[in-house]
Amino acid sequence: MADSYETTREIEIELNGLRYRARYRVLSGTVIVYYESEIKFADYGMTGPEVVAKWLLTDPSRRVEAKKRKSGSG
């Protein structure tokens, strides 16, 4: 894979019926995900970078869901 570190790709997941989109890039065996003001990263090995990016995106997406539930119930 001869991608430049400047190359980003779009990633999308569905969580509880809502879609979340982010951008990610791969740099020296690490996947970096950019979602709103958050940056998450993790190494990838046997698992492809897109799978790791989707996994990383679930964390901030779940926090958004939790905030929505908390503000809706108060």
N, C-alpha and C. Protein backbone atom coordinates (compact mmCIF):
# COMPACT_ATOMS: atom_id res chain seq x y z
N MET A 1 0.85 -1.17 0.00
CA MET A 1 0.00 0.00 0.00
C MET A 1 0.89 1.23 0.00
N ALA A 2 0.87 1.98 -1.05
CA ALA A 2 1.76 3.13 -1.20
C ALA A 2 1.02 4.45 -0.98
N ASP A 3 0.03 4.45 -0.10
CA ASP A 3 -0.73 5.66 0.17
C ASP A 3 0.10 6.67 0.95
N SER A 4 -0.12 7.92 0.66
CA SER A 4 0.50 8.99 1.40
C SER A 4 -0.24 9.16 2.72
N TYR A 5 0.46 9.67 3.74
CA TYR A 5 -0.21 9.89 5.02
C TYR A 5 -1.27 10.97 4.91
N GLU A 6 -1.23 11.76 3.85
CA GLU A 6 -2.23 12.80 3.62
C GLU A 6 -3.54 12.23 3.08
N THR A 7 -3.53 11.02 2.56
CA THR A 7 -4.72 10.42 1.98
C THR A 7 -5.67 9.98 3.07
N THR A 8 -6.89 10.51 3.04
CA THR A 8 -7.90 10.08 3.99
C THR A 8 -9.04 9.42 3.24
N ARG A 9 -9.72 8.55 3.94
CA ARG A 9 -10.87 7.86 3.36
C ARG A 9 -12.07 8.06 4.28
N GLU A 10 -13.25 7.98 3.70
CA GLU A 10 -14.45 8.09 4.50
C GLU A 10 -14.82 6.73 5.06
N ILE A 11 -15.36 6.74 6.27
CA ILE A 11 -15.82 5.52 6.92
C ILE A 11 -17.21 5.81 7.49
N GLU A 12 -18.06 4.80 7.49
CA GLU A 12 -19.41 4.99 8.01
C GLU A 12 -19.82 3.75 8.78
N ILE A 13 -20.48 3.97 9.92
CA ILE A 13 -21.04 2.85 10.68
C ILE A 13 -22.49 3.17 10.99
N GLU A 14 -23.24 2.13 11.33
CA GLU A 14 -24.61 2.31 11.78
C GLU A 14 -24.69 1.81 13.22
N LEU A 15 -25.25 2.65 14.08
CA LEU A 15 -25.37 2.31 15.49
C LEU A 15 -26.76 2.70 15.95
N ASN A 16 -27.53 1.73 16.39
CA ASN A 16 -28.91 1.96 16.83
C ASN A 16 -29.74 2.70 15.78
N GLY A 17 -29.55 2.33 14.54
CA GLY A 17 -30.34 2.91 13.46
C GLY A 17 -29.85 4.26 12.95
N LEU A 18 -28.80 4.81 13.55
CA LEU A 18 -28.24 6.09 13.10
C LEU A 18 -26.89 5.86 12.44
N ARG A 19 -26.61 6.65 11.41
CA ARG A 19 -25.34 6.52 10.70
C ARG A 19 -24.37 7.58 11.19
N TYR A 20 -23.13 7.15 11.37
CA TYR A 20 -22.05 8.04 11.79
C TYR A 20 -20.95 7.97 10.75
N ARG A 21 -20.46 9.13 10.33
CA ARG A 21 -19.40 9.20 9.33
C ARG A 21 -18.18 9.88 9.91
N ALA A 22 -17.03 9.41 9.47
CA ALA A 22 -15.76 9.98 9.90
C ALA A 22 -14.77 9.82 8.75
N ARG A 23 -13.58 10.31 8.96
CA ARG A 23 -12.50 10.12 8.00
C ARG A 23 -11.40 9.35 8.72
N TYR A 24 -10.65 8.57 7.95
CA TYR A 24 -9.52 7.87 8.55
C TYR A 24 -8.35 7.82 7.59
N ARG A 25 -7.18 7.62 8.15
CA ARG A 25 -5.97 7.44 7.35
C ARG A 25 -5.14 6.34 7.97
N VAL A 26 -4.24 5.79 7.17
CA VAL A 26 -3.35 4.74 7.64
C VAL A 26 -1.93 5.28 7.56
N LEU A 27 -1.20 5.14 8.67
CA LEU A 27 0.16 5.65 8.74
C LEU A 27 1.04 4.66 9.50
N SER A 28 1.95 4.04 8.81
CA SER A 28 2.92 3.12 9.42
C SER A 28 2.29 2.08 10.34
N GLY A 29 1.29 1.39 9.86
CA GLY A 29 0.66 0.33 10.65
C GLY A 29 -0.34 0.81 11.68
N THR A 30 -0.68 2.09 11.65
CA THR A 30 -1.64 2.66 12.58
C THR A 30 -2.80 3.26 11.81
N VAL A 31 -4.01 3.04 12.31
CA VAL A 31 -5.21 3.65 11.74
C VAL A 31 -5.57 4.85 12.62
N ILE A 32 -5.79 5.99 11.99
CA ILE A 32 -6.15 7.22 12.71
C ILE A 32 -7.52 7.65 12.22
N VAL A 33 -8.48 7.78 13.14
CA VAL A 33 -9.86 8.15 12.81
C VAL A 33 -10.14 9.56 13.32
N TYR A 34 -10.72 10.38 12.47
CA TYR A 34 -11.09 11.76 12.80
C TYR A 34 -12.61 11.85 12.79
N TYR A 35 -13.20 12.09 13.96
CA TYR A 35 -14.65 12.22 14.08
C TYR A 35 -14.92 13.50 14.85
N GLU A 36 -15.55 14.46 14.19
CA GLU A 36 -15.81 15.77 14.76
C GLU A 36 -14.51 16.31 15.36
N SER A 37 -14.46 16.56 16.66
CA SER A 37 -13.24 17.12 17.25
C SER A 37 -12.37 16.03 17.89
N GLU A 38 -12.72 14.77 17.69
CA GLU A 38 -11.97 13.67 18.31
C GLU A 38 -11.05 12.99 17.31
N ILE A 39 -9.94 12.50 17.84
CA ILE A 39 -9.00 11.70 17.07
C ILE A 39 -8.77 10.42 17.86
N LYS A 40 -8.97 9.29 17.22
CA LYS A 40 -8.75 7.98 17.84
C LYS A 40 -7.76 7.23 16.95
N PHE A 41 -6.90 6.41 17.56
CA PHE A 41 -5.96 5.65 16.75
C PHE A 41 -5.67 4.31 17.38
N ALA A 42 -5.29 3.36 16.54
CA ALA A 42 -4.92 2.02 17.00
C ALA A 42 -4.09 1.35 15.92
N ASP A 43 -3.25 0.43 16.34
CA ASP A 43 -2.47 -0.35 15.39
C ASP A 43 -3.37 -1.38 14.72
N TYR A 44 -3.02 -1.74 13.52
CA TYR A 44 -3.72 -2.84 12.86
C TYR A 44 -2.69 -3.86 12.43
N GLY A 45 -3.10 -5.10 12.42
CA GLY A 45 -2.19 -6.17 12.04
C GLY A 45 -2.88 -7.05 11.02
N MET A 46 -3.38 -8.18 11.49
CA MET A 46 -4.06 -9.11 10.61
C MET A 46 -5.42 -8.57 10.17
N THR A 47 -5.99 -7.69 11.00
CA THR A 47 -7.28 -7.08 10.68
C THR A 47 -7.03 -5.90 9.76
N GLY A 48 -7.86 -5.76 8.73
CA GLY A 48 -7.68 -4.67 7.79
C GLY A 48 -7.92 -3.30 8.40
N PRO A 49 -7.30 -2.26 7.85
CA PRO A 49 -7.43 -0.92 8.41
C PRO A 49 -8.87 -0.41 8.44
N GLU A 50 -9.69 -0.76 7.46
CA GLU A 50 -11.08 -0.28 7.45
C GLU A 50 -11.87 -0.87 8.62
N VAL A 51 -11.63 -2.12 8.93
CA VAL A 51 -12.32 -2.76 10.07
C VAL A 51 -11.91 -2.08 11.37
N VAL A 52 -10.63 -1.79 11.52
CA VAL A 52 -10.14 -1.12 12.73
C VAL A 52 -10.73 0.29 12.81
N ALA A 53 -10.81 0.98 11.67
CA ALA A 53 -11.39 2.33 11.65
C ALA A 53 -12.85 2.31 12.09
N LYS A 54 -13.61 1.33 11.62
CA LYS A 54 -15.01 1.22 12.04
C LYS A 54 -15.11 0.95 13.53
N TRP A 55 -14.23 0.10 14.04
CA TRP A 55 -14.22 -0.21 15.46
C TRP A 55 -13.90 1.05 16.27
N LEU A 56 -12.93 1.82 15.81
CA LEU A 56 -12.56 3.05 16.50
C LEU A 56 -13.70 4.06 16.49
N LEU A 57 -14.46 4.13 15.43
CA LEU A 57 -15.56 5.08 15.31
C LEU A 57 -16.71 4.74 16.25
N THR A 58 -16.83 3.48 16.66
CA THR A 58 -17.95 3.12 17.55
C THR A 58 -17.86 3.81 18.91
N ASP A 59 -16.65 4.07 19.40
CA ASP A 59 -16.50 4.68 20.72
C ASP A 59 -17.10 6.10 20.78
N PRO A 60 -16.67 7.03 19.92
CA PRO A 60 -17.29 8.36 19.99
C PRO A 60 -18.77 8.33 19.60
N SER A 61 -19.16 7.41 18.74
CA SER A 61 -20.57 7.30 18.35
C SER A 61 -21.43 6.89 19.54
N ARG A 62 -20.93 5.98 20.35
CA ARG A 62 -21.66 5.56 21.54
C ARG A 62 -21.78 6.69 22.55
N ARG A 63 -20.74 7.53 22.64
CA ARG A 63 -20.82 8.68 23.54
C ARG A 63 -21.88 9.66 23.08
N VAL A 64 -22.00 9.86 21.77
CA VAL A 64 -23.05 10.73 21.23
C VAL A 64 -24.41 10.16 21.58
N GLU A 65 -24.58 8.85 21.42
CA GLU A 65 -25.84 8.19 21.77
C GLU A 65 -26.16 8.37 23.25
N ALA A 66 -25.15 8.21 24.11
CA ALA A 66 -25.37 8.35 25.55
C ALA A 66 -25.78 9.78 25.90
N LYS A 67 -25.15 10.76 25.27
CA LYS A 67 -25.51 12.16 25.51
C LYS A 67 -26.95 12.42 25.10
N LYS A 68 -27.36 11.85 23.97
CA LYS A 68 -28.74 12.03 23.49
C LYS A 68 -29.72 11.43 24.47
N ARG A 69 -29.42 10.23 24.98
CA ARG A 69 -30.32 9.58 25.95
C ARG A 69 -30.38 10.39 27.24
N LYS A 70 -29.24 10.87 27.70
CA LYS A 70 -29.19 11.62 28.96
C LYS A 70 -29.94 12.94 28.84
N SER A 71 -29.77 13.67 27.75
CA SER A 71 -30.46 14.95 27.58
C SER A 71 -31.95 14.75 27.31
N GLY A 72 -32.32 13.63 26.72
CA GLY A 72 -33.72 13.35 26.43
C GLY A 72 -34.50 12.92 27.67
N SER A 73 -33.80 12.37 28.66
CA SER A 73 -34.50 11.87 29.84
C SER A 73 -34.53 12.89 30.97
N GLY A 74 -33.79 14.02 30.85
CA GLY A 74 -33.70 14.96 31.96
C GLY A 74 -34.54 16.13 31.76
